[in-house]
Amino acid sequence: WGWEAKNSFEVRLAMELLASRARPEHVELSMIARFRLEG
């Protein structure tokens, strides 16, 4: 997480799911959410 401005910051979650015999997909996902302070 990090500050974007005085009253807003971002939080990042990321995950990686490796392929296996049962699940051949390799999935990488990154999500960012921006939060703003009010008052």
PDB file of all heavy atoms in Angstrom:
ATOM      1  N   TRP A   1       0.851  -1.181   0.000  1.00  0.00           N
ATOM      2  CA  TRP A   1       0.000   0.000   0.000  1.00  0.00           C
ATOM      3  C   TRP A   1       0.882   1.224   0.000  1.00  0.00           C
ATOM      4  O   TRP A   1       2.048   1.158   0.379  1.00  0.00           O
ATOM      5  CB  TRP A   1      -0.976  -0.010   1.174  1.00  0.00           C
ATOM      6  CG  TRP A   1      -0.410   0.444   2.482  1.00  0.00           C
ATOM      7  CD1 TRP A   1       0.386  -0.287   3.330  1.00  0.00           C
ATOM      8  CD2 TRP A   1      -0.587   1.714   3.104  1.00  0.00           C
ATOM      9  NE1 TRP A   1       0.694   0.441   4.428  1.00  0.00           N
ATOM     10  CE2 TRP A   1       0.105   1.684   4.331  1.00  0.00           C
ATOM     11  CE3 TRP A   1      -1.276   2.863   2.762  1.00  0.00           C
ATOM     12  CZ2 TRP A   1       0.143   2.773   5.192  1.00  0.00           C
ATOM     13  CZ3 TRP A   1      -1.247   3.951   3.617  1.00  0.00           C
ATOM     14  CH2 TRP A   1      -0.544   3.884   4.828  1.00  0.00           C
ATOM     15  N   GLY A   2       0.325   2.322  -0.488  1.00  0.00           N
ATOM     16  CA  GLY A   2       1.074   3.561  -0.525  1.00  0.00           C
ATOM     17  C   GLY A   2       0.148   4.741  -0.721  1.00  0.00           C
ATOM     18  O   GLY A   2      -0.975   4.613  -1.224  1.00  0.00           O
ATOM     19  N   TRP A   3       0.636   5.897  -0.311  1.00  0.00           N
ATOM     20  CA  TRP A   3      -0.120   7.137  -0.444  1.00  0.00           C
ATOM     21  C   TRP A   3      -0.103   7.594  -1.892  1.00  0.00           C
ATOM     22  O   TRP A   3       0.924   7.560  -2.550  1.00  0.00           O
ATOM     23  CB  TRP A   3       0.481   8.218   0.451  1.00  0.00           C
ATOM     24  CG  TRP A   3       0.241   7.958   1.897  1.00  0.00           C
ATOM     25  CD1 TRP A   3       1.130   7.422   2.781  1.00  0.00           C
ATOM     26  CD2 TRP A   3      -0.963   8.174   2.619  1.00  0.00           C
ATOM     27  NE1 TRP A   3       0.548   7.297   4.019  1.00  0.00           N
ATOM     28  CE2 TRP A   3      -0.743   7.762   3.949  1.00  0.00           C
ATOM     29  CE3 TRP A   3      -2.216   8.688   2.273  1.00  0.00           C
ATOM     30  CZ2 TRP A   3      -1.723   7.842   4.931  1.00  0.00           C
ATOM     31  CZ3 TRP A   3      -3.188   8.772   3.250  1.00  0.00           C
ATOM     32  CH2 TRP A   3      -2.941   8.354   4.561  1.00  0.00           C
ATOM     33  N   GLU A   4      -1.236   8.062  -2.368  1.00  0.00           N
ATOM     34  CA  GLU A   4      -1.351   8.667  -3.692  1.00  0.00           C
ATOM     35  C   GLU A   4      -1.392  10.178  -3.572  1.00  0.00           C
ATOM     36  O   GLU A   4      -0.893  10.893  -4.415  1.00  0.00           O
ATOM     37  CB  GLU A   4      -2.613   8.166  -4.401  1.00  0.00           C
ATOM     38  CG  GLU A   4      -2.514   6.726  -4.821  1.00  0.00           C
ATOM     39  CD  GLU A   4      -1.405   6.520  -5.824  1.00  0.00           C
ATOM     40  OE1 GLU A   4      -1.388   7.209  -6.861  1.00  0.00           O
ATOM     41  OE2 GLU A   4      -0.532   5.683  -5.568  1.00  0.00           O
ATOM     42  N   ALA A   5      -2.044  10.652  -2.545  1.00  0.00           N
ATOM     43  CA  ALA A   5      -2.173  12.081  -2.260  1.00  0.00           C
ATOM     44  C   ALA A   5      -2.416  12.213  -0.767  1.00  0.00           C
ATOM     45  O   ALA A   5      -2.475  11.210  -0.052  1.00  0.00           O
ATOM     46  CB  ALA A   5      -3.328  12.686  -3.058  1.00  0.00           C
ATOM     47  N   LYS A   6      -2.567  13.439  -0.303  1.00  0.00           N
ATOM     48  CA  LYS A   6      -2.759  13.663   1.136  1.00  0.00           C
ATOM     49  C   LYS A   6      -3.959  12.880   1.681  1.00  0.00           C
ATOM     50  O   LYS A   6      -3.910  12.367   2.791  1.00  0.00           O
ATOM     51  CB  LYS A   6      -2.955  15.159   1.395  1.00  0.00           C
ATOM     52  CG  LYS A   6      -3.157  15.505   2.837  1.00  0.00           C
ATOM     53  CD  LYS A   6      -3.362  16.984   3.033  1.00  0.00           C
ATOM     54  CE  LYS A   6      -3.612  17.289   4.498  1.00  0.00           C
ATOM     55  NZ  LYS A   6      -3.904  18.694   4.713  1.00  0.00           N
ATOM     56  N   ASN A   7      -5.018  12.776   0.897  1.00  0.00           N
ATOM     57  CA  ASN A   7      -6.245  12.130   1.367  1.00  0.00           C
ATOM     58  C   ASN A   7      -6.615  10.863   0.609  1.00  0.00           C
ATOM     59  O   ASN A   7      -7.766  10.440   0.638  1.00  0.00           O
ATOM     60  CB  ASN A   7      -7.408  13.125   1.308  1.00  0.00           C
ATOM     61  CG  ASN A   7      -7.240  14.230   2.322  1.00  0.00           C
ATOM     62  OD1 ASN A   7      -6.687  14.012   3.396  1.00  0.00           O
ATOM     63  ND2 ASN A   7      -7.686  15.414   1.984  1.00  0.00           N
ATOM     64  N   SER A   8      -5.666  10.248  -0.091  1.00  0.00           N
ATOM     65  CA  SER A   8      -5.987   8.999  -0.773  1.00  0.00           C
ATOM     66  C   SER A   8      -4.777   8.070  -0.796  1.00  0.00           C
ATOM     67  O   SER A   8      -3.634   8.523  -0.816  1.00  0.00           O
ATOM     68  CB  SER A   8      -6.488   9.254  -2.195  1.00  0.00           C
ATOM     69  OG  SER A   8      -5.478   9.769  -3.002  1.00  0.00           O
ATOM     70  N   PHE A   9      -5.064   6.779  -0.775  1.00  0.00           N
ATOM     71  CA  PHE A   9      -4.008   5.782  -0.827  1.00  0.00           C
ATOM     72  C   PHE A   9      -4.513   4.575  -1.606  1.00  0.00           C
ATOM     73  O   PHE A   9      -5.718   4.396  -1.787  1.00  0.00           O
ATOM     74  CB  PHE A   9      -3.543   5.381   0.582  1.00  0.00           C
ATOM     75  CG  PHE A   9      -4.625   4.809   1.455  1.00  0.00           C
ATOM     76  CD1 PHE A   9      -4.825   3.441   1.542  1.00  0.00           C
ATOM     77  CD2 PHE A   9      -5.439   5.641   2.208  1.00  0.00           C
ATOM     78  CE1 PHE A   9      -5.815   2.914   2.348  1.00  0.00           C
ATOM     79  CE2 PHE A   9      -6.431   5.131   3.028  1.00  0.00           C
ATOM     80  CZ  PHE A   9      -6.622   3.760   3.094  1.00  0.00           C
ATOM     81  N   GLU A  10      -3.568   3.787  -2.094  1.00  0.00           N
ATOM     82  CA  GLU A  10      -3.892   2.572  -2.838  1.00  0.00           C
ATOM     83  C   GLU A  10      -3.394   1.358  -2.082  1.00  0.00           C
ATOM     84  O   GLU A  10      -2.344   1.396  -1.440  1.00  0.00           O
ATOM     85  CB  GLU A  10      -3.241   2.587  -4.220  1.00  0.00           C
ATOM     86  CG  GLU A  10      -3.850   3.576  -5.159  1.00  0.00           C
ATOM     87  CD  GLU A  10      -3.262   3.494  -6.558  1.00  0.00           C
ATOM     88  OE1 GLU A  10      -2.204   2.867  -6.762  1.00  0.00           O
ATOM     89  OE2 GLU A  10      -3.887   4.076  -7.452  1.00  0.00           O
ATOM     90  N   VAL A  11      -4.163   0.280  -2.204  1.00  0.00           N
ATOM     91  CA  VAL A  11      -3.784  -1.014  -1.641  1.00  0.00           C
ATOM     92  C   VAL A  11      -3.745  -1.995  -2.803  1.00  0.00           C
ATOM     93  O   VAL A  11      -4.659  -2.026  -3.632  1.00  0.00           O
ATOM     94  CB  VAL A  11      -4.792  -1.480  -0.569  1.00  0.00           C
ATOM     95  CG1 VAL A  11      -4.447  -2.861  -0.062  1.00  0.00           C
ATOM     96  CG2 VAL A  11      -4.840  -0.469   0.580  1.00  0.00           C
ATOM     97  N   ARG A  12      -2.663  -2.781  -2.875  1.00  0.00           N
ATOM     98  CA  ARG A  12      -2.512  -3.761  -3.955  1.00  0.00           C
ATOM     99  C   ARG A  12      -2.451  -5.157  -3.376  1.00  0.00           C
ATOM    100  O   ARG A  12      -1.689  -5.428  -2.446  1.00  0.00           O
ATOM    101  CB  ARG A  12      -1.240  -3.510  -4.758  1.00  0.00           C
ATOM    102  CG  ARG A  12      -1.093  -4.457  -5.956  1.00  0.00           C
ATOM    103  CD  ARG A  12       0.192  -4.228  -6.721  1.00  0.00           C
ATOM    104  NE  ARG A  12       1.383  -4.553  -5.962  1.00  0.00           N
ATOM    105  CZ  ARG A  12       1.847  -5.795  -5.803  1.00  0.00           C
ATOM    106  NH1 ARG A  12       1.228  -6.818  -6.332  1.00  0.00           N
ATOM    107  NH2 ARG A  12       2.947  -5.996  -5.113  1.00  0.00           N
ATOM    108  N   LEU A  13      -3.256  -6.042  -3.918  1.00  0.00           N
ATOM    109  CA  LEU A  13      -3.179  -7.471  -3.617  1.00  0.00           C
ATOM    110  C   LEU A  13      -2.787  -8.186  -4.896  1.00  0.00           C
ATOM    111  O   LEU A  13      -3.291  -7.856  -5.974  1.00  0.00           O
ATOM    112  CB  LEU A  13      -4.532  -8.019  -3.151  1.00  0.00           C
ATOM    113  CG  LEU A  13      -5.076  -7.541  -1.827  1.00  0.00           C
ATOM    114  CD1 LEU A  13      -6.426  -8.201  -1.554  1.00  0.00           C
ATOM    115  CD2 LEU A  13      -4.113  -7.854  -0.700  1.00  0.00           C
ATOM    116  N   ALA A  14      -1.893  -9.140  -4.789  1.00  0.00           N
ATOM    117  CA  ALA A  14      -1.486  -9.924  -5.957  1.00  0.00           C
ATOM    118  C   ALA A  14      -1.365 -11.378  -5.546  1.00  0.00           C
ATOM    119  O   ALA A  14      -1.024 -11.694  -4.395  1.00  0.00           O
ATOM    120  CB  ALA A  14      -0.162  -9.416  -6.515  1.00  0.00           C
ATOM    121  N   MET A  15      -1.667 -12.253  -6.483  1.00  0.00           N
ATOM    122  CA  MET A  15      -1.503 -13.683  -6.210  1.00  0.00           C
ATOM    123  C   MET A  15      -1.115 -14.404  -7.490  1.00  0.00           C
ATOM    124  O   MET A  15      -1.372 -13.934  -8.599  1.00  0.00           O
ATOM    125  CB  MET A  15      -2.774 -14.286  -5.616  1.00  0.00           C
ATOM    126  CG  MET A  15      -3.941 -14.336  -6.532  1.00  0.00           C
ATOM    127  SD  MET A  15      -5.410 -15.194  -5.880  1.00  0.00           S
ATOM    128  CE  MET A  15      -5.018 -15.646  -4.263  1.00  0.00           C
ATOM    129  N   GLU A  16      -0.471 -15.520  -7.293  1.00  0.00           N
ATOM    130  CA  GLU A  16      -0.064 -16.370  -8.410  1.00  0.00           C
ATOM    131  C   GLU A  16      -0.450 -17.798  -8.066  1.00  0.00           C
ATOM    132  O   GLU A  16      -0.155 -18.286  -6.977  1.00  0.00           O
ATOM    133  CB  GLU A  16       1.440 -16.273  -8.636  1.00  0.00           C
ATOM    134  CG  GLU A  16       1.930 -17.124  -9.782  1.00  0.00           C
ATOM    135  CD  GLU A  16       3.423 -16.969 -10.036  1.00  0.00           C
ATOM    136  OE1 GLU A  16       4.141 -16.521  -9.119  1.00  0.00           O
ATOM    137  OE2 GLU A  16       3.860 -17.306 -11.136  1.00  0.00           O
ATOM    138  N   LEU A  17      -1.145 -18.449  -8.979  1.00  0.00           N
ATOM    139  CA  LEU A  17      -1.532 -19.841  -8.827  1.00  0.00           C
ATOM    140  C   LEU A  17      -0.808 -20.631  -9.908  1.00  0.00           C
ATOM    141  O   LEU A  17      -1.055 -20.434 -11.101  1.00  0.00           O
ATOM    142  CB  LEU A  17      -3.047 -19.999  -8.966  1.00  0.00           C
ATOM    143  CG  LEU A  17      -3.870 -19.145  -7.999  1.00  0.00           C
ATOM    144  CD1 LEU A  17      -5.336 -19.146  -8.396  1.00  0.00           C
ATOM    145  CD2 LEU A  17      -3.686 -19.640  -6.590  1.00  0.00           C
ATOM    146  N   LEU A  18       0.099 -21.492  -9.494  1.00  0.00           N
ATOM    147  CA  LEU A  18       0.909 -22.245 -10.444  1.00  0.00           C
ATOM    148  C   LEU A  18       0.122 -23.409 -11.035  1.00  0.00           C
ATOM    149  O   LEU A  18      -0.749 -23.983 -10.383  1.00  0.00           O
ATOM    150  CB  LEU A  18       2.170 -22.756  -9.752  1.00  0.00           C
ATOM    151  CG  LEU A  18       3.083 -21.665  -9.177  1.00  0.00           C
ATOM    152  CD1 LEU A  18       4.239 -22.289  -8.418  1.00  0.00           C
ATOM    153  CD2 LEU A  18       3.587 -20.743 -10.272  1.00  0.00           C
ATOM    154  N   ALA A  19       0.464 -23.749 -12.246  1.00  0.00           N
ATOM    155  CA  ALA A  19      -0.180 -24.875 -12.917  1.00  0.00           C
ATOM    156  C   ALA A  19       0.221 -26.189 -12.257  1.00  0.00           C
ATOM    157  O   ALA A  19       1.305 -26.312 -11.685  1.00  0.00           O
ATOM    158  CB  ALA A  19       0.218 -24.882 -14.395  1.00  0.00           C
ATOM    159  N   SER A  20      -0.676 -27.153 -12.355  1.00  0.00           N
ATOM    160  CA  SER A  20      -0.412 -28.498 -11.837  1.00  0.00           C
ATOM    161  C   SER A  20      -1.057 -29.506 -12.791  1.00  0.00           C
ATOM    162  O   SER A  20      -1.705 -29.120 -13.765  1.00  0.00           O
ATOM    163  CB  SER A  20      -0.998 -28.657 -10.432  1.00  0.00           C
ATOM    164  OG  SER A  20      -2.418 -28.597 -10.491  1.00  0.00           O
ATOM    165  N   ARG A  21      -0.901 -30.772 -12.508  1.00  0.00           N
ATOM    166  CA  ARG A  21      -1.563 -31.782 -13.359  1.00  0.00           C
ATOM    167  C   ARG A  21      -3.077 -31.637 -13.296  1.00  0.00           C
ATOM    168  O   ARG A  21      -3.761 -31.756 -14.298  1.00  0.00           O
ATOM    169  CB  ARG A  21      -1.179 -33.189 -12.909  1.00  0.00           C
ATOM    170  CG  ARG A  21       0.148 -33.618 -13.380  1.00  0.00           C
ATOM    171  CD  ARG A  21       0.338 -35.097 -13.158  1.00  0.00           C
ATOM    172  NE  ARG A  21       1.633 -35.475 -13.665  1.00  0.00           N
ATOM    173  CZ  ARG A  21       2.391 -36.380 -13.125  1.00  0.00           C
ATOM    174  NH1 ARG A  21       1.985 -37.038 -12.054  1.00  0.00           N
ATOM    175  NH2 ARG A  21       3.556 -36.670 -13.650  1.00  0.00           N
ATOM    176  N   ALA A  22      -3.586 -31.387 -12.097  1.00  0.00           N
ATOM    177  CA  ALA A  22      -5.034 -31.265 -11.933  1.00  0.00           C
ATOM    178  C   ALA A  22      -5.577 -29.961 -12.520  1.00  0.00           C
ATOM    179  O   ALA A  22      -6.693 -29.918 -13.022  1.00  0.00           O
ATOM    180  CB  ALA A  22      -5.403 -31.347 -10.448  1.00  0.00           C
ATOM    181  N   ARG A  23      -4.775 -28.905 -12.459  1.00  0.00           N
ATOM    182  CA  ARG A  23      -5.192 -27.592 -12.953  1.00  0.00           C
ATOM    183  C   ARG A  23      -4.077 -27.039 -13.841  1.00  0.00           C
ATOM    184  O   ARG A  23      -3.111 -26.486 -13.333  1.00  0.00           O
ATOM    185  CB  ARG A  23      -5.449 -26.640 -11.807  1.00  0.00           C
ATOM    186  CG  ARG A  23      -6.593 -27.110 -10.914  1.00  0.00           C
ATOM    187  CD  ARG A  23      -7.337 -25.979 -10.323  1.00  0.00           C
ATOM    188  NE  ARG A  23      -7.925 -25.090 -11.286  1.00  0.00           N
ATOM    189  CZ  ARG A  23      -9.181 -25.174 -11.731  1.00  0.00           C
ATOM    190  NH1 ARG A  23      -9.960 -26.137 -11.320  1.00  0.00           N
ATOM    191  NH2 ARG A  23      -9.640 -24.312 -12.584  1.00  0.00           N
ATOM    192  N   PRO A  24      -4.182 -27.165 -15.147  1.00  0.00           N
ATOM    193  CA  PRO A  24      -3.101 -26.743 -16.036  1.00  0.00           C
ATOM    194  C   PRO A  24      -2.967 -25.225 -16.199  1.00  0.00           C
ATOM    195  O   PRO A  24      -2.014 -24.769 -16.801  1.00  0.00           O
ATOM    196  CB  PRO A  24      -3.459 -27.401 -17.372  1.00  0.00           C
ATOM    197  CG  PRO A  24      -4.930 -27.623 -17.311  1.00  0.00           C
ATOM    198  CD  PRO A  24      -5.266 -27.837 -15.871  1.00  0.00           C
ATOM    199  N   GLU A  25      -3.892 -24.453 -15.647  1.00  0.00           N
ATOM    200  CA  GLU A  25      -3.806 -23.000 -15.793  1.00  0.00           C
ATOM    201  C   GLU A  25      -2.765 -22.409 -14.839  1.00  0.00           C
ATOM    202  O   GLU A  25      -2.610 -22.854 -13.714  1.00  0.00           O
ATOM    203  CB  GLU A  25      -5.145 -22.310 -15.457  1.00  0.00           C
ATOM    204  CG  GLU A  25      -6.301 -22.774 -16.271  1.00  0.00           C
ATOM    205  CD  GLU A  25      -7.153 -23.777 -15.513  1.00  0.00           C
ATOM    206  OE1 GLU A  25      -6.689 -24.366 -14.518  1.00  0.00           O
ATOM    207  OE2 GLU A  25      -8.286 -23.986 -15.935  1.00  0.00           O
ATOM    208  N   HIS A  26      -2.076 -21.408 -15.342  1.00  0.00           N
ATOM    209  CA  HIS A  26      -1.185 -20.598 -14.512  1.00  0.00           C
ATOM    210  C   HIS A  26      -1.867 -19.232 -14.429  1.00  0.00           C
ATOM    211  O   HIS A  26      -2.022 -18.549 -15.434  1.00  0.00           O
ATOM    212  CB  HIS A  26       0.191 -20.479 -15.167  1.00  0.00           C
ATOM    213  CG  HIS A  26       1.138 -19.608 -14.407  1.00  0.00           C
ATOM    214  ND1 HIS A  26       2.346 -20.063 -13.972  1.00  0.00           N
ATOM    215  CD2 HIS A  26       1.058 -18.323 -14.005  1.00  0.00           C
ATOM    216  CE1 HIS A  26       2.972 -19.084 -13.333  1.00  0.00           C
ATOM    217  NE2 HIS A  26       2.203 -18.007 -13.345  1.00  0.00           N
ATOM    218  N   VAL A  27      -2.285 -18.857 -13.226  1.00  0.00           N
ATOM    219  CA  VAL A  27      -3.057 -17.629 -13.048  1.00  0.00           C
ATOM    220  C   VAL A  27      -2.243 -16.622 -12.246  1.00  0.00           C
ATOM    221  O   VAL A  27      -1.703 -16.954 -11.192  1.00  0.00           O
ATOM    222  CB  VAL A  27      -4.388 -17.919 -12.315  1.00  0.00           C
ATOM    223  CG1 VAL A  27      -5.164 -16.634 -12.070  1.00  0.00           C
ATOM    224  CG2 VAL A  27      -5.220 -18.921 -13.089  1.00  0.00           C
ATOM    225  N   GLU A  28      -2.124 -15.408 -12.768  1.00  0.00           N
ATOM    226  CA  GLU A  28      -1.530 -14.300 -12.034  1.00  0.00           C
ATOM    227  C   GLU A  28      -2.558 -13.189 -11.999  1.00  0.00           C
ATOM    228  O   GLU A  28      -3.141 -12.850 -13.025  1.00  0.00           O
ATOM    229  CB  GLU A  28      -0.256 -13.803 -12.719  1.00  0.00           C
ATOM    230  CG  GLU A  28       0.871 -14.797 -12.678  1.00  0.00           C
ATOM    231  CD  GLU A  28       2.135 -14.256 -13.307  1.00  0.00           C
ATOM    232  OE1 GLU A  28       2.480 -13.090 -13.007  1.00  0.00           O
ATOM    233  OE2 GLU A  28       2.744 -14.986 -14.095  1.00  0.00           O
ATOM    234  N   LEU A  29      -2.768 -12.648 -10.815  1.00  0.00           N
ATOM    235  CA  LEU A  29      -3.785 -11.621 -10.657  1.00  0.00           C
ATOM    236  C   LEU A  29      -3.253 -10.524  -9.753  1.00  0.00           C
ATOM    237  O   LEU A  29      -2.624 -10.803  -8.733  1.00  0.00           O
ATOM    238  CB  LEU A  29      -5.049 -12.231 -10.028  1.00  0.00           C
ATOM    239  CG  LEU A  29      -6.192 -11.265  -9.812  1.00  0.00           C
ATOM    240  CD1 LEU A  29      -7.127 -11.296 -11.010  1.00  0.00           C
ATOM    241  CD2 LEU A  29      -6.952 -11.634  -8.565  1.00  0.00           C
ATOM    242  N   SER A  30      -3.477  -9.294 -10.144  1.00  0.00           N
ATOM    243  CA  SER A  30      -3.110  -8.144  -9.328  1.00  0.00           C
ATOM    244  C   SER A  30      -4.301  -7.205  -9.301  1.00  0.00           C
ATOM    245  O   SER A  30      -4.864  -6.888 -10.351  1.00  0.00           O
ATOM    246  CB  SER A  30      -1.884  -7.440  -9.913  1.00  0.00           C
ATOM    247  OG  SER A  30      -1.516  -6.348  -9.113  1.00  0.00           O
ATOM    248  N   MET A  31      -4.695  -6.787  -8.119  1.00  0.00           N
ATOM    249  CA  MET A  31      -5.832  -5.896  -7.975  1.00  0.00           C
ATOM    250  C   MET A  31      -5.416  -4.698  -7.124  1.00  0.00           C
ATOM    251  O   MET A  31      -4.772  -4.856  -6.089  1.00  0.00           O
ATOM    252  CB  MET A  31      -7.005  -6.617  -7.323  1.00  0.00           C
ATOM    253  CG  MET A  31      -8.237  -5.749  -7.176  1.00  0.00           C
ATOM    254  SD  MET A  31      -9.647  -6.665  -6.527  1.00  0.00           S
ATOM    255  CE  MET A  31     -10.049  -7.671  -7.952  1.00  0.00           C
ATOM    256  N   ILE A  32      -5.784  -3.527  -7.578  1.00  0.00           N
ATOM    257  CA  ILE A  32      -5.490  -2.294  -6.852  1.00  0.00           C
ATOM    258  C   ILE A  32      -6.811  -1.621  -6.519  1.00  0.00           C
ATOM    259  O   ILE A  32      -7.680  -1.481  -7.385  1.00  0.00           O
ATOM    260  CB  ILE A  32      -4.610  -1.346  -7.689  1.00  0.00           C
ATOM    261  CG1 ILE A  32      -3.252  -1.980  -7.954  1.00  0.00           C
ATOM    262  CG2 ILE A  32      -4.449   0.000  -6.981  1.00  0.00           C
ATOM    263  CD1 ILE A  32      -2.387  -1.202  -8.913  1.00  0.00           C
ATOM    264  N   ALA A  33      -6.936  -1.194  -5.272  1.00  0.00           N
ATOM    265  CA  ALA A  33      -8.103  -0.428  -4.842  1.00  0.00           C
ATOM    266  C   ALA A  33      -7.626   0.910  -4.293  1.00  0.00           C
ATOM    267  O   ALA A  33      -6.629   0.969  -3.578  1.00  0.00           O
ATOM    268  CB  ALA A  33      -8.881  -1.185  -3.778  1.00  0.00           C
ATOM    269  N   ARG A  34      -8.320   1.963  -4.646  1.00  0.00           N
ATOM    270  CA  ARG A  34      -7.974   3.301  -4.159  1.00  0.00           C
ATOM    271  C   ARG A  34      -9.007   3.697  -3.099  1.00  0.00           C
ATOM    272  O   ARG A  34     -10.208   3.582  -3.311  1.00  0.00           O
ATOM    273  CB  ARG A  34      -7.986   4.307  -5.298  1.00  0.00           C
ATOM    274  CG  ARG A  34      -7.587   5.702  -4.823  1.00  0.00           C
ATOM    275  CD  ARG A  34      -7.366   6.653  -5.966  1.00  0.00           C
ATOM    276  NE  ARG A  34      -6.128   6.259  -6.646  1.00  0.00           N
ATOM    277  CZ  ARG A  34      -5.887   6.495  -7.924  1.00  0.00           C
ATOM    278  NH1 ARG A  34      -6.768   7.094  -8.665  1.00  0.00           N
ATOM    279  NH2 ARG A  34      -4.745   6.129  -8.463  1.00  0.00           N
ATOM    280  N   PHE A  35      -8.499   4.160  -1.974  1.00  0.00           N
ATOM    281  CA  PHE A  35      -9.337   4.594  -0.856  1.00  0.00           C
ATOM    282  C   PHE A  35      -9.105   6.074  -0.623  1.00  0.00           C
ATOM    283  O   PHE A  35      -7.987   6.562  -0.727  1.00  0.00           O
ATOM    284  CB  PHE A  35      -8.994   3.801   0.411  1.00  0.00           C
ATOM    285  CG  PHE A  35      -9.301   2.334   0.285  1.00  0.00           C
ATOM    286  CD1 PHE A  35      -8.343   1.454  -0.216  1.00  0.00           C
ATOM    287  CD2 PHE A  35     -10.532   1.842   0.641  1.00  0.00           C
ATOM    288  CE1 PHE A  35      -8.621   0.108  -0.339  1.00  0.00           C
ATOM    289  CE2 PHE A  35     -10.821   0.486   0.519  1.00  0.00           C
ATOM    290  CZ  PHE A  35      -9.868  -0.382   0.027  1.00  0.00           C
ATOM    291  N   ARG A  36     -10.176   6.772  -0.291  1.00  0.00           N
ATOM    292  CA  ARG A  36     -10.093   8.211  -0.072  1.00  0.00           C
ATOM    293  C   ARG A  36     -10.595   8.539   1.333  1.00  0.00           C
ATOM    294  O   ARG A  36     -11.604   8.013   1.787  1.00  0.00           O
ATOM    295  CB  ARG A  36     -10.940   8.944  -1.099  1.00  0.00           C
ATOM    296  CG  ARG A  36     -10.809  10.446  -1.007  1.00  0.00           C
ATOM    297  CD  ARG A  36     -11.600  11.148  -2.070  1.00  0.00           C
ATOM    298  NE  ARG A  36     -12.998  10.757  -1.957  1.00  0.00           N
ATOM    299  CZ  ARG A  36     -13.856  10.779  -2.959  1.00  0.00           C
ATOM    300  NH1 ARG A  36     -13.460  11.156  -4.149  1.00  0.00           N
ATOM    301  NH2 ARG A  36     -15.109  10.437  -2.796  1.00  0.00           N
ATOM    302  N   LEU A  37      -9.885   9.410   2.013  1.00  0.00           N
ATOM    303  CA  LEU A  37     -10.270   9.862   3.342  1.00  0.00           C
ATOM    304  C   LEU A  37     -11.239  11.028   3.208  1.00  0.00           C
ATOM    305  O   LEU A  37     -11.011  11.925   2.406  1.00  0.00           O
ATOM    306  CB  LEU A  37      -9.035  10.314   4.128  1.00  0.00           C
ATOM    307  CG  LEU A  37      -7.899   9.290   4.239  1.00  0.00           C
ATOM    308  CD1 LEU A  37      -6.701   9.924   4.910  1.00  0.00           C
ATOM    309  CD2 LEU A  37      -8.367   8.072   4.998  1.00  0.00           C
ATOM    310  N   GLU A  38     -12.280  10.996   3.993  1.00  0.00           N
ATOM    311  CA  GLU A  38     -13.268  12.074   3.990  1.00  0.00           C
ATOM    312  C   GLU A  38     -13.248  12.756   5.353  1.00  0.00           C
ATOM    313  O   GLU A  38     -13.308  12.087   6.377  1.00  0.00           O
ATOM    314  CB  GLU A  38     -14.669  11.518   3.715  1.00  0.00           C
ATOM    315  CG  GLU A  38     -14.845  10.935   2.336  1.00  0.00           C
ATOM    316  CD  GLU A  38     -14.850  11.976   1.244  1.00  0.00           C
ATOM    317  OE1 GLU A  38     -15.190  13.141   1.519  1.00  0.00           O
ATOM    318  OE2 GLU A  38     -14.505  11.627   0.099  1.00  0.00           O
ATOM    319  N   GLY A  39     -13.166  14.056   5.370  1.00  0.00           N
ATOM    320  CA  GLY A  39     -13.181  14.807   6.617  1.00  0.00           C
ATOM    321  C   GLY A  39     -11.830  14.790   7.307  1.00  0.00           C
ATOM    322  O   GLY A  39     -10.865  14.195   6.847  1.00  0.00           O
TER     323      GLY A  39
END
